[in-house]
């Protein structure tokens, strides 16, 4: 059993526990449930934004603790100020040190799209994302069937949410494309063993249909890579660890952007 298998197994129990604590009716009655989510496309392609989806991440299974002191509202506001097109906030508790309050805090402090970064295996989590103020959900092809991707995507879009599909290779991409997606992200990190290879993005970019926003995720540590990825056809770039491993993630992003 690899790390991804362990995460999904734990997630099943986590979702069951959450359902027992908070009813769907309670989620639907939350303040944020009534708000209209921001358009991912609008912000990603805005000329005054960078295309960067800046991530708030405390820890990871591969690196352990990345940043245990950063304040989510402070960091995400600084990301926004530095030109982030969207924010990615981890909500997985056991493996990434996230929590629902992180999205709530980021939402209260920012007026740009927020991605709920988690391992979505149940429609209930999509309702949670909406209730917490997220604008985008992530669907990971390697843990979902094509039917689940289609059904979850449709369910999310009916709630007004944007849908980002994450793939790691051509096989996942080929079997997962459906009408109910807004963006397709190529994760350069292998979620089985957590190794990274930026070449994955360049290999897949032209295989992604042009009607979808194209996102490159992980292994982006050099501003020059952004230029190369843009030239290859990518619209967005998810960066987390590169900023979060510093004492001041917001400043790290500002300096990174100044070199693009």
C-alpha atoms as a PDB file:
ATOM      1  CA  UNK A   1       0.000   0.000   0.000  1.00  0.00           C
ATOM      2  CA  UNK A   2       1.511   3.334  -1.078  1.00  0.00           C
ATOM      3  CA  UNK A   3       0.940   6.744   0.529  1.00  0.00           C
ATOM      4  CA  UNK A   4      -1.957   7.591  -1.780  1.00  0.00           C
ATOM      5  CA  UNK A   5      -3.768   4.364  -0.851  1.00  0.00           C
ATOM      6  CA  UNK A   6      -3.306   5.195   2.838  1.00  0.00           C
ATOM      7  CA  UNK A   7      -4.629   8.725   2.334  1.00  0.00           C
ATOM      8  CA  UNK A   8      -7.763   7.494   0.522  1.00  0.00           C
ATOM      9  CA  UNK A   9      -8.416   4.846   3.173  1.00  0.00           C
ATOM     10  CA  UNK A  10      -8.152   7.464   5.925  1.00  0.00           C
ATOM     11  CA  UNK A  11     -10.290   9.876   3.891  1.00  0.00           C
ATOM     12  CA  UNK A  12     -13.168   7.394   3.782  1.00  0.00           C
ATOM     13  CA  UNK A  13     -13.281   7.345   7.578  1.00  0.00           C
ATOM     14  CA  UNK A  14     -12.816  11.117   7.776  1.00  0.00           C
ATOM     15  CA  UNK A  15     -15.809  11.720   5.481  1.00  0.00           C
ATOM     16  CA  UNK A  16     -17.958   9.268   7.445  1.00  0.00           C
ATOM     17  CA  UNK A  17     -17.065  11.085  10.682  1.00  0.00           C
ATOM     18  CA  UNK A  18     -17.826  14.487   9.141  1.00  0.00           C
ATOM     19  CA  UNK A  19     -21.241  13.313   7.909  1.00  0.00           C
ATOM     20  CA  UNK A  20     -22.090  12.192  11.445  1.00  0.00           C
ATOM     21  CA  UNK A  21     -21.136  15.593  12.857  1.00  0.00           C
ATOM     22  CA  UNK A  22     -22.518  18.046  10.266  1.00  0.00           C
ATOM     23  CA  UNK A  23     -25.638  17.373   8.218  1.00  0.00           C
ATOM     24  CA  UNK A  24     -26.020  18.347   4.559  1.00  0.00           C
ATOM     25  CA  UNK A  25     -28.803  20.700   5.653  1.00  0.00           C
ATOM     26  CA  UNK A  26     -26.392  22.464   8.006  1.00  0.00           C
ATOM     27  CA  UNK A  27     -23.843  22.847   5.204  1.00  0.00           C
ATOM     28  CA  UNK A  28     -26.504  24.261   2.886  1.00  0.00           C
ATOM     29  CA  UNK A  29     -27.538  26.810   5.507  1.00  0.00           C
ATOM     30  CA  UNK A  30     -24.032  28.223   5.975  1.00  0.00           C
ATOM     31  CA  UNK A  31     -23.391  31.837   4.941  1.00  0.00           C
ATOM     32  CA  UNK A  32     -20.857  30.990   2.234  1.00  0.00           C
ATOM     33  CA  UNK A  33     -23.159  28.436   0.615  1.00  0.00           C
ATOM     34  CA  UNK A  34     -25.241  31.310  -0.742  1.00  0.00           C
ATOM     35  CA  UNK A  35     -22.342  33.269  -2.272  1.00  0.00           C
ATOM     36  CA  UNK A  36     -21.547  33.120  -5.982  1.00  0.00           C
ATOM     37  CA  UNK A  37     -18.086  31.611  -6.470  1.00  0.00           C
ATOM     38  CA  UNK A  38     -15.466  33.584  -8.369  1.00  0.00           C
ATOM     39  CA  UNK A  39     -14.650  32.559 -11.943  1.00  0.00           C
ATOM     40  CA  UNK A  40     -11.375  30.647 -12.027  1.00  0.00           C
ATOM     41  CA  UNK A  41     -10.910  31.440 -15.727  1.00  0.00           C
ATOM     42  CA  UNK A  42     -11.476  35.157 -15.263  1.00  0.00           C
ATOM     43  CA  UNK A  43      -8.802  35.473 -12.584  1.00  0.00           C
ATOM     44  CA  UNK A  44      -6.349  33.039 -14.177  1.00  0.00           C
ATOM     45  CA  UNK A  45      -6.343  34.927 -17.481  1.00  0.00           C
ATOM     46  CA  UNK A  46      -6.524  38.454 -16.001  1.00  0.00           C
ATOM     47  CA  UNK A  47      -3.679  40.632 -17.298  1.00  0.00           C
ATOM     48  CA  UNK A  48      -2.988  42.108 -13.858  1.00  0.00           C
ATOM     49  CA  UNK A  49      -2.493  38.627 -12.349  1.00  0.00           C
ATOM     50  CA  UNK A  50       0.395  36.173 -12.636  1.00  0.00           C
ATOM     51  CA  UNK A  51      -1.350  32.874 -13.394  1.00  0.00           C
ATOM     52  CA  UNK A  52       0.129  31.515 -10.162  1.00  0.00           C
ATOM     53  CA  UNK A  53      -2.088  29.440  -7.872  1.00  0.00           C
ATOM     54  CA  UNK A  54      -0.254  30.011  -4.598  1.00  0.00           C
ATOM     55  CA  UNK A  55      -0.616  27.250  -2.053  1.00  0.00           C
ATOM     56  CA  UNK A  56      -0.819  27.302   1.730  1.00  0.00           C
ATOM     57  CA  UNK A  57       0.576  23.982   2.953  1.00  0.00           C
ATOM     58  CA  UNK A  58       1.934  23.197   6.410  1.00  0.00           C
ATOM     59  CA  UNK A  59       3.296  19.714   5.810  1.00  0.00           C
ATOM     60  CA  UNK A  60       3.410  16.851   3.322  1.00  0.00           C
ATOM     61  CA  UNK A  61       3.936  13.075   3.515  1.00  0.00           C
ATOM     62  CA  UNK A  62       7.219  13.358   1.612  1.00  0.00           C
ATOM     63  CA  UNK A  63       8.775  16.402   3.332  1.00  0.00           C
ATOM     64  CA  UNK A  64       7.162  16.254   6.789  1.00  0.00           C
ATOM     65  CA  UNK A  65       6.778  19.680   8.410  1.00  0.00           C
ATOM     66  CA  UNK A  66       7.272  22.468   5.860  1.00  0.00           C
ATOM     67  CA  UNK A  67       6.074  25.455   7.863  1.00  0.00           C
ATOM     68  CA  UNK A  68       4.494  25.154  11.288  1.00  0.00           C
ATOM     69  CA  UNK A  69       4.315  28.856  12.157  1.00  0.00           C
ATOM     70  CA  UNK A  70       2.756  30.584   9.129  1.00  0.00           C
ATOM     71  CA  UNK A  71      -0.622  32.279   9.586  1.00  0.00           C
ATOM     72  CA  UNK A  72      -3.054  31.376   6.801  1.00  0.00           C
ATOM     73  CA  UNK A  73      -4.788  34.782   6.576  1.00  0.00           C
ATOM     74  CA  UNK A  74      -1.483  36.664   6.593  1.00  0.00           C
ATOM     75  CA  UNK A  75       0.198  34.414   4.009  1.00  0.00           C
ATOM     76  CA  UNK A  76      -2.750  34.231   1.607  1.00  0.00           C
ATOM     77  CA  UNK A  77      -3.239  38.018   1.743  1.00  0.00           C
ATOM     78  CA  UNK A  78       0.441  38.416   0.869  1.00  0.00           C
ATOM     79  CA  UNK A  79       0.033  35.933  -1.999  1.00  0.00           C
ATOM     80  CA  UNK A  80      -2.942  37.934  -3.254  1.00  0.00           C
ATOM     81  CA  UNK A  81      -0.969  41.178  -3.008  1.00  0.00           C
ATOM     82  CA  UNK A  82       1.926  39.581  -4.950  1.00  0.00           C
ATOM     83  CA  UNK A  83      -0.420  38.828  -7.850  1.00  0.00           C
ATOM     84  CA  UNK A  84      -1.738  35.315  -7.251  1.00  0.00           C
ATOM     85  CA  UNK A  85      -4.569  34.400  -9.628  1.00  0.00           C
ATOM     86  CA  UNK A  86      -5.964  31.961  -7.074  1.00  0.00           C
ATOM     87  CA  UNK A  87      -5.153  30.428  -3.707  1.00  0.00           C
ATOM     88  CA  UNK A  88      -4.837  26.727  -2.928  1.00  0.00           C
ATOM     89  CA  UNK A  89      -5.567  25.744   0.660  1.00  0.00           C
ATOM     90  CA  UNK A  90      -4.976  22.212   1.959  1.00  0.00           C
ATOM     91  CA  UNK A  91      -7.772  20.839   4.149  1.00  0.00           C
ATOM     92  CA  UNK A  92      -6.420  17.312   4.669  1.00  0.00           C
ATOM     93  CA  UNK A  93      -5.726  16.984   8.410  1.00  0.00           C
ATOM     94  CA  UNK A  94      -3.661  13.843   8.934  1.00  0.00           C
ATOM     95  CA  UNK A  95      -1.194  13.993   6.053  1.00  0.00           C
ATOM     96  CA  UNK A  96      -0.954  17.711   5.242  1.00  0.00           C
ATOM     97  CA  UNK A  97      -1.803  19.435   8.529  1.00  0.00           C
ATOM     98  CA  UNK A  98      -4.742  21.341   7.033  1.00  0.00           C
ATOM     99  CA  UNK A  99      -8.162  22.130   8.468  1.00  0.00           C
ATOM    100  CA  UNK A 100     -11.496  23.644   7.365  1.00  0.00           C
ATOM    101  CA  UNK A 101     -10.765  26.799   9.376  1.00  0.00           C
ATOM    102  CA  UNK A 102      -7.872  27.501   7.002  1.00  0.00           C
ATOM    103  CA  UNK A 103     -10.238  28.004   4.053  1.00  0.00           C
ATOM    104  CA  UNK A 104     -12.610  30.055   6.187  1.00  0.00           C
ATOM    105  CA  UNK A 105      -9.722  32.303   7.252  1.00  0.00           C
ATOM    106  CA  UNK A 106      -8.406  32.629   3.693  1.00  0.00           C
ATOM    107  CA  UNK A 107     -11.902  33.424   2.413  1.00  0.00           C
ATOM    108  CA  UNK A 108     -12.419  36.148   5.027  1.00  0.00           C
ATOM    109  CA  UNK A 109      -9.129  37.785   4.029  1.00  0.00           C
ATOM    110  CA  UNK A 110      -9.275  37.543   0.217  1.00  0.00           C
ATOM    111  CA  UNK A 111     -11.372  38.356  -2.828  1.00  0.00           C
ATOM    112  CA  UNK A 112      -9.819  35.932  -5.323  1.00  0.00           C
ATOM    113  CA  UNK A 113     -10.683  32.278  -6.081  1.00  0.00           C
ATOM    114  CA  UNK A 114      -9.786  29.614  -3.520  1.00  0.00           C
ATOM    115  CA  UNK A 115      -9.153  25.971  -4.370  1.00  0.00           C
ATOM    116  CA  UNK A 116     -10.072  23.417  -1.735  1.00  0.00           C
ATOM    117  CA  UNK A 117      -7.042  21.129  -2.051  1.00  0.00           C
ATOM    118  CA  UNK A 118      -8.004  17.709  -0.776  1.00  0.00           C
ATOM    119  CA  UNK A 119      -8.667  14.135  -1.842  1.00  0.00           C
ATOM    120  CA  UNK A 120     -12.296  14.281  -2.965  1.00  0.00           C
ATOM    121  CA  UNK A 121     -14.056  10.915  -2.889  1.00  0.00           C
ATOM    122  CA  UNK A 122     -17.620  11.908  -1.970  1.00  0.00           C
ATOM    123  CA  UNK A 123     -20.184  14.546  -3.006  1.00  0.00           C
ATOM    124  CA  UNK A 124     -20.390  15.544   0.659  1.00  0.00           C
ATOM    125  CA  UNK A 125     -16.875  17.042   0.412  1.00  0.00           C
ATOM    126  CA  UNK A 126     -18.018  19.189  -2.510  1.00  0.00           C
ATOM    127  CA  UNK A 127     -20.843  20.547  -0.361  1.00  0.00           C
ATOM    128  CA  UNK A 128     -18.277  21.231   2.386  1.00  0.00           C
ATOM    129  CA  UNK A 129     -16.105  23.156  -0.083  1.00  0.00           C
ATOM    130  CA  UNK A 130     -19.045  25.341  -1.062  1.00  0.00           C
ATOM    131  CA  UNK A 131     -20.039  25.882   2.588  1.00  0.00           C
ATOM    132  CA  UNK A 132     -16.505  26.900   3.576  1.00  0.00           C
ATOM    133  CA  UNK A 133     -16.226  29.517   0.833  1.00  0.00           C
ATOM    134  CA  UNK A 134     -14.124  27.685  -1.755  1.00  0.00           C
ATOM    135  CA  UNK A 135     -14.544  28.478  -5.466  1.00  0.00           C
ATOM    136  CA  UNK A 136     -12.693  25.517  -7.000  1.00  0.00           C
ATOM    137  CA  UNK A 137     -12.568  21.823  -6.183  1.00  0.00           C
ATOM    138  CA  UNK A 138      -9.879  19.328  -7.124  1.00  0.00           C
ATOM    139  CA  UNK A 139     -10.654  15.935  -8.663  1.00  0.00           C
ATOM    140  CA  UNK A 140      -7.662  13.570  -8.729  1.00  0.00           C
ATOM    141  CA  UNK A 141      -7.955  11.154 -11.652  1.00  0.00           C
ATOM    142  CA  UNK A 142      -5.818   8.446 -10.058  1.00  0.00           C
ATOM    143  CA  UNK A 143      -8.274   7.907  -7.185  1.00  0.00           C
ATOM    144  CA  UNK A 144     -11.554   8.282  -9.111  1.00  0.00           C
ATOM    145  CA  UNK A 145     -13.375   6.381 -11.845  1.00  0.00           C
ATOM    146  CA  UNK A 146     -14.376   8.208 -15.058  1.00  0.00           C
ATOM    147  CA  UNK A 147     -18.013   8.059 -13.853  1.00  0.00           C
ATOM    148  CA  UNK A 148     -17.097   9.645 -10.520  1.00  0.00           C
ATOM    149  CA  UNK A 149     -15.161  12.415 -12.276  1.00  0.00           C
ATOM    150  CA  UNK A 150     -18.147  13.146 -14.530  1.00  0.00           C
ATOM    151  CA  UNK A 151     -20.698  12.975 -11.697  1.00  0.00           C
ATOM    152  CA  UNK A 152     -18.630  14.998  -9.184  1.00  0.00           C
ATOM    153  CA  UNK A 153     -17.795  17.572 -11.857  1.00  0.00           C
ATOM    154  CA  UNK A 154     -21.450  17.999 -12.790  1.00  0.00           C
ATOM    155  CA  UNK A 155     -22.490  18.190  -9.132  1.00  0.00           C
ATOM    156  CA  UNK A 156     -19.853  20.858  -8.404  1.00  0.00           C
ATOM    157  CA  UNK A 157     -20.656  22.952 -11.471  1.00  0.00           C
ATOM    158  CA  UNK A 158     -24.362  22.868 -10.581  1.00  0.00           C
ATOM    159  CA  UNK A 159     -23.342  24.504  -7.286  1.00  0.00           C
ATOM    160  CA  UNK A 160     -21.462  27.182  -9.220  1.00  0.00           C
ATOM    161  CA  UNK A 161     -18.043  25.756  -8.335  1.00  0.00           C
ATOM    162  CA  UNK A 162     -15.111  25.516 -10.756  1.00  0.00           C
ATOM    163  CA  UNK A 163     -13.611  22.062 -11.331  1.00  0.00           C
ATOM    164  CA  UNK A 164      -9.908  21.292 -11.675  1.00  0.00           C
ATOM    165  CA  UNK A 165      -9.030  17.761 -12.797  1.00  0.00           C
ATOM    166  CA  UNK A 166      -5.556  16.544 -11.851  1.00  0.00           C
ATOM    167  CA  UNK A 167      -3.727  13.970 -13.960  1.00  0.00           C
ATOM    168  CA  UNK A 168      -0.246  12.444 -13.809  1.00  0.00           C
ATOM    169  CA  UNK A 169       0.027  10.705 -17.187  1.00  0.00           C
ATOM    170  CA  UNK A 170      -1.681  10.303 -20.559  1.00  0.00           C
ATOM    171  CA  UNK A 171      -3.683   7.241 -19.501  1.00  0.00           C
ATOM    172  CA  UNK A 172      -5.368   9.219 -16.681  1.00  0.00           C
ATOM    173  CA  UNK A 173      -5.992  12.169 -18.982  1.00  0.00           C
ATOM    174  CA  UNK A 174      -7.419  10.042 -21.779  1.00  0.00           C
ATOM    175  CA  UNK A 175      -9.968   8.252 -19.599  1.00  0.00           C
ATOM    176  CA  UNK A 176     -10.963  11.256 -17.478  1.00  0.00           C
ATOM    177  CA  UNK A 177     -11.877  14.052 -19.902  1.00  0.00           C
ATOM    178  CA  UNK A 178     -15.558  14.976 -19.628  1.00  0.00           C
ATOM    179  CA  UNK A 179     -17.687  18.093 -20.211  1.00  0.00           C
ATOM    180  CA  UNK A 180     -17.929  18.957 -16.504  1.00  0.00           C
ATOM    181  CA  UNK A 181     -14.423  20.341 -16.048  1.00  0.00           C
ATOM    182  CA  UNK A 182     -13.030  23.870 -16.185  1.00  0.00           C
ATOM    183  CA  UNK A 183      -9.328  23.153 -15.967  1.00  0.00           C
ATOM    184  CA  UNK A 184      -6.926  20.245 -16.269  1.00  0.00           C
ATOM    185  CA  UNK A 185      -3.809  20.208 -14.150  1.00  0.00           C
ATOM    186  CA  UNK A 186      -0.718  18.110 -14.769  1.00  0.00           C
ATOM    187  CA  UNK A 187       0.798  17.151 -11.434  1.00  0.00           C
ATOM    188  CA  UNK A 188       4.546  16.771 -11.865  1.00  0.00           C
ATOM    189  CA  UNK A 189       4.628  14.889  -8.567  1.00  0.00           C
ATOM    190  CA  UNK A 190       4.031  11.139  -8.582  1.00  0.00           C
ATOM    191  CA  UNK A 191       1.525  10.634  -5.753  1.00  0.00           C
ATOM    192  CA  UNK A 192       2.615   7.045  -5.320  1.00  0.00           C
ATOM    193  CA  UNK A 193       6.201   7.804  -4.324  1.00  0.00           C
ATOM    194  CA  UNK A 194       6.181  11.657  -4.300  1.00  0.00           C
ATOM    195  CA  UNK A 195       9.080  12.056  -6.754  1.00  0.00           C
ATOM    196  CA  UNK A 196       8.826  15.070  -9.105  1.00  0.00           C
ATOM    197  CA  UNK A 197       9.603  15.616 -12.791  1.00  0.00           C
ATOM    198  CA  UNK A 198       8.661  18.858 -14.589  1.00  0.00           C
ATOM    199  CA  UNK A 199       8.956  17.061 -17.950  1.00  0.00           C
ATOM    200  CA  UNK A 200       5.550  15.486 -17.235  1.00  0.00           C
ATOM    201  CA  UNK A 201       3.909  18.856 -17.980  1.00  0.00           C
ATOM    202  CA  UNK A 202       5.723  19.352 -21.280  1.00  0.00           C
ATOM    203  CA  UNK A 203       4.841  15.807 -22.351  1.00  0.00           C
ATOM    204  CA  UNK A 204       1.109  16.278 -21.716  1.00  0.00           C
ATOM    205  CA  UNK A 205       0.334  19.924 -22.530  1.00  0.00           C
ATOM    206  CA  UNK A 206      -0.596  19.322 -26.185  1.00  0.00           C
ATOM    207  CA  UNK A 207      -2.716  16.303 -25.258  1.00  0.00           C
ATOM    208  CA  UNK A 208      -5.065  18.501 -23.179  1.00  0.00           C
ATOM    209  CA  UNK A 209      -7.992  19.824 -25.268  1.00  0.00           C
ATOM    210  CA  UNK A 210      -7.805  23.594 -25.699  1.00  0.00           C
ATOM    211  CA  UNK A 211     -11.267  24.214 -24.272  1.00  0.00           C
ATOM    212  CA  UNK A 212      -9.853  23.609 -20.795  1.00  0.00           C
ATOM    213  CA  UNK A 213      -7.539  25.851 -18.809  1.00  0.00           C
ATOM    214  CA  UNK A 214      -4.132  24.162 -18.572  1.00  0.00           C
ATOM    215  CA  UNK A 215      -2.355  24.095 -15.218  1.00  0.00           C
ATOM    216  CA  UNK A 216       1.115  22.814 -14.296  1.00  0.00           C
ATOM    217  CA  UNK A 217       1.404  21.689 -10.676  1.00  0.00           C
ATOM    218  CA  UNK A 218       4.425  21.054  -8.413  1.00  0.00           C
ATOM    219  CA  UNK A 219       8.184  21.074  -9.092  1.00  0.00           C
ATOM    220  CA  UNK A 220       8.103  24.764 -10.094  1.00  0.00           C
ATOM    221  CA  UNK A 221      10.983  26.364  -8.232  1.00  0.00           C
ATOM    222  CA  UNK A 222      12.547  28.612 -10.850  1.00  0.00           C
ATOM    223  CA  UNK A 223      10.904  31.701 -12.440  1.00  0.00           C
ATOM    224  CA  UNK A 224      12.354  30.682 -15.834  1.00  0.00           C
ATOM    225  CA  UNK A 225      10.264  27.491 -15.733  1.00  0.00           C
ATOM    226  CA  UNK A 226       7.127  29.688 -15.732  1.00  0.00           C
ATOM    227  CA  UNK A 227       8.233  31.291 -19.012  1.00  0.00           C
ATOM    228  CA  UNK A 228       8.892  27.870 -20.551  1.00  0.00           C
ATOM    229  CA  UNK A 229       5.540  26.520 -19.350  1.00  0.00           C
ATOM    230  CA  UNK A 230       3.701  29.589 -20.706  1.00  0.00           C
ATOM    231  CA  UNK A 231       5.411  29.171 -24.057  1.00  0.00           C
ATOM    232  CA  UNK A 232       4.340  25.514 -24.071  1.00  0.00           C
ATOM    233  CA  UNK A 233       0.683  26.524 -23.573  1.00  0.00           C
ATOM    234  CA  UNK A 234       0.002  26.512 -19.829  1.00  0.00           C
ATOM    235  CA  UNK A 235      -2.297  29.158 -18.313  1.00  0.00           C
ATOM    236  CA  UNK A 236      -1.661  28.491 -14.639  1.00  0.00           C
ATOM    237  CA  UNK A 237       1.055  27.325 -12.277  1.00  0.00           C
ATOM    238  CA  UNK A 238       0.417  25.816  -8.857  1.00  0.00           C
ATOM    239  CA  UNK A 239       3.268  26.613  -6.455  1.00  0.00           C
ATOM    240  CA  UNK A 240       3.306  25.858  -2.748  1.00  0.00           C
ATOM    241  CA  UNK A 241       6.354  24.261  -1.226  1.00  0.00           C
ATOM    242  CA  UNK A 242       8.754  26.706  -2.909  1.00  0.00           C
ATOM    243  CA  UNK A 243       7.136  29.598  -0.997  1.00  0.00           C
ATOM    244  CA  UNK A 244       6.031  27.791   2.159  1.00  0.00           C
ATOM    245  CA  UNK A 245       9.498  26.470   3.016  1.00  0.00           C
ATOM    246  CA  UNK A 246      10.692  30.048   3.618  1.00  0.00           C
ATOM    247  CA  UNK A 247      10.218  32.202   6.741  1.00  0.00           C
ATOM    248  CA  UNK A 248       8.067  34.637   4.749  1.00  0.00           C
ATOM    249  CA  UNK A 249       6.062  32.857   2.001  1.00  0.00           C
ATOM    250  CA  UNK A 250       4.392  36.072   0.781  1.00  0.00           C
ATOM    251  CA  UNK A 251       7.730  37.842   0.331  1.00  0.00           C
ATOM    252  CA  UNK A 252       9.159  34.721  -1.346  1.00  0.00           C
ATOM    253  CA  UNK A 253       6.342  34.861  -3.907  1.00  0.00           C
ATOM    254  CA  UNK A 254       6.860  38.605  -4.433  1.00  0.00           C
ATOM    255  CA  UNK A 255      10.560  38.058  -5.190  1.00  0.00           C
ATOM    256  CA  UNK A 256       9.746  35.075  -7.434  1.00  0.00           C
ATOM    257  CA  UNK A 257       7.217  37.129  -9.444  1.00  0.00           C
ATOM    258  CA  UNK A 258       9.689  40.004  -9.857  1.00  0.00           C
ATOM    259  CA  UNK A 259      11.992  37.607 -11.752  1.00  0.00           C
ATOM    260  CA  UNK A 260       9.395  36.237 -14.167  1.00  0.00           C
END
